[in-house]
């Protein structure tokens, strides 16, 4: 009986927790592969990007170029998540991870705005470790 209760009430929750967030997975995969085109699909109209203490707010097109230029000098090899979650105030999401690139390891901070079914990258920070 206990096994049946477990399967009915807890197993579905465990399965959903393991599935993760498809949008976040697509973003982190794009980061690890250095795929600017895939990553840019998730950029907001205005994106705050900080690359090694050079912080600026870019239009979507400018953000694509800034990230493309960064990837040209630091060819991504892999990305691993360290921590991710949801903000307390609303359903916005964040992710912290390590980007291994040809010239070293970068700590990456992502802040994603959730608006209905839409998720956009509002902030992206890349700091060399």
Protein backbone atom coordinates (compact mmCIF):
# COMPACT_ATOMS: atom_id res chain seq x y z
CA UNK A 1 0.00 0.00 0.00
CA UNK A 2 2.83 2.39 0.85
CA UNK A 3 4.44 1.72 -2.52
CA UNK A 4 1.18 2.52 -4.30
CA UNK A 5 0.81 5.80 -2.40
CA UNK A 6 4.39 6.71 -3.25
CA UNK A 7 3.83 6.03 -6.93
CA UNK A 8 0.59 8.01 -7.02
CA UNK A 9 1.75 11.09 -5.12
CA UNK A 10 5.50 11.45 -5.24
CA UNK A 11 6.76 9.79 -8.41
CA UNK A 12 5.10 12.32 -10.78
CA UNK A 13 6.77 15.18 -8.89
CA UNK A 14 10.15 13.50 -9.10
CA UNK A 15 9.74 12.97 -12.83
CA UNK A 16 8.80 16.61 -13.40
CA UNK A 17 11.74 17.82 -11.32
CA UNK A 18 14.15 15.72 -13.41
CA UNK A 19 12.82 17.07 -16.70
CA UNK A 20 14.16 20.56 -16.03
CA UNK A 21 13.42 23.70 -18.00
CA UNK A 22 13.63 23.25 -21.80
CA UNK A 23 14.36 26.95 -22.37
CA UNK A 24 17.14 27.06 -19.78
CA UNK A 25 18.54 23.83 -21.23
CA UNK A 26 18.56 25.36 -24.74
CA UNK A 27 20.31 28.49 -23.45
CA UNK A 28 23.00 26.59 -21.54
CA UNK A 29 23.57 24.26 -24.50
CA UNK A 30 23.97 27.27 -26.80
CA UNK A 31 26.48 28.78 -24.35
CA UNK A 32 28.50 25.57 -24.18
CA UNK A 33 28.58 25.26 -27.96
CA UNK A 34 29.22 28.94 -28.62
CA UNK A 35 26.05 29.08 -30.72
CA UNK A 36 25.29 32.80 -30.85
CA UNK A 37 22.32 32.38 -33.22
CA UNK A 38 20.54 29.98 -30.84
CA UNK A 39 21.41 32.13 -27.82
CA UNK A 40 20.15 35.30 -29.53
CA UNK A 41 16.66 33.80 -29.88
CA UNK A 42 16.32 34.35 -26.14
CA UNK A 43 17.76 37.88 -25.91
CA UNK A 44 15.34 40.57 -24.76
CA UNK A 45 15.03 43.75 -26.85
CA UNK A 46 17.48 45.37 -24.40
CA UNK A 47 20.10 43.13 -22.79
CA UNK A 48 22.56 44.07 -20.09
CA UNK A 49 25.85 42.29 -20.80
CA UNK A 50 28.96 42.43 -18.68
CA UNK A 51 32.14 40.89 -20.03
CA UNK A 52 35.02 41.12 -17.58
CA UNK A 53 33.80 44.31 -15.89
CA UNK A 54 32.83 46.01 -19.16
CA UNK A 55 29.12 46.44 -18.55
CA UNK A 56 26.72 47.87 -21.09
CA UNK A 57 23.09 47.71 -22.11
CA UNK A 58 22.76 46.59 -25.72
CA UNK A 59 19.98 46.30 -28.24
CA UNK A 60 19.37 42.72 -29.30
CA UNK A 61 21.46 43.17 -32.47
CA UNK A 62 24.32 44.80 -30.55
CA UNK A 63 24.20 42.03 -27.94
CA UNK A 64 24.58 39.42 -30.68
CA UNK A 65 27.72 41.16 -31.93
CA UNK A 66 29.15 41.60 -28.42
CA UNK A 67 28.71 37.90 -27.63
CA UNK A 68 29.97 36.86 -31.08
CA UNK A 69 33.12 38.95 -30.53
CA UNK A 70 33.60 37.42 -27.09
CA UNK A 71 33.21 33.88 -28.46
CA UNK A 72 35.73 34.68 -31.23
CA UNK A 73 38.40 35.34 -28.59
CA UNK A 74 37.23 32.71 -26.11
CA UNK A 75 35.98 29.70 -28.08
CA UNK A 76 33.49 27.87 -25.82
CA UNK A 77 34.19 24.21 -25.12
CA UNK A 78 31.56 23.41 -22.47
CA UNK A 79 29.14 24.89 -19.96
CA UNK A 80 28.24 23.41 -16.59
CA UNK A 81 25.51 24.70 -14.31
CA UNK A 82 26.48 25.36 -10.72
CA UNK A 83 23.18 26.74 -9.46
CA UNK A 84 19.82 27.79 -10.86
CA UNK A 85 16.53 28.90 -9.42
CA UNK A 86 13.53 31.18 -9.43
CA UNK A 87 13.36 34.62 -7.82
CA UNK A 88 11.15 35.07 -4.77
CA UNK A 89 9.30 38.15 -6.00
CA UNK A 90 8.13 36.68 -9.29
CA UNK A 91 8.76 33.76 -11.58
CA UNK A 92 11.97 35.17 -13.11
CA UNK A 93 14.82 32.67 -13.31
CA UNK A 94 18.57 32.76 -12.88
CA UNK A 95 21.44 30.45 -13.62
CA UNK A 96 25.07 30.48 -12.48
CA UNK A 97 27.58 28.26 -14.21
CA UNK A 98 31.07 27.80 -15.58
CA UNK A 99 31.94 28.29 -19.22
CA UNK A 100 35.13 26.50 -20.19
CA UNK A 101 36.66 28.32 -23.15
CA UNK A 102 39.87 28.13 -25.16
CA UNK A 103 41.45 30.85 -23.01
CA UNK A 104 40.21 29.81 -19.56
CA UNK A 105 37.13 29.38 -17.40
CA UNK A 106 34.46 32.04 -17.03
CA UNK A 107 31.80 32.31 -14.35
CA UNK A 108 28.50 33.01 -16.12
CA UNK A 109 25.50 34.66 -14.49
CA UNK A 110 22.19 34.70 -16.36
CA UNK A 111 18.98 36.48 -15.38
CA UNK A 112 15.89 35.52 -17.38
CA UNK A 113 12.59 37.39 -17.39
CA UNK A 114 9.50 35.20 -17.50
CA UNK A 115 6.44 36.77 -19.10
CA UNK A 116 3.69 34.22 -19.62
CA UNK A 117 5.12 31.52 -21.89
CA UNK A 118 7.99 33.75 -22.99
CA UNK A 119 11.45 33.66 -21.38
CA UNK A 120 14.07 36.24 -22.34
CA UNK A 121 17.64 36.87 -21.25
CA UNK A 122 17.71 40.25 -19.49
CA UNK A 123 21.24 40.07 -18.10
CA UNK A 124 24.33 38.06 -18.90
CA UNK A 125 27.61 38.38 -17.04
CA UNK A 126 30.90 36.65 -17.97
CA UNK A 127 33.75 36.94 -15.46
CA UNK A 128 37.09 35.19 -15.98
CA UNK A 129 38.07 33.09 -12.99
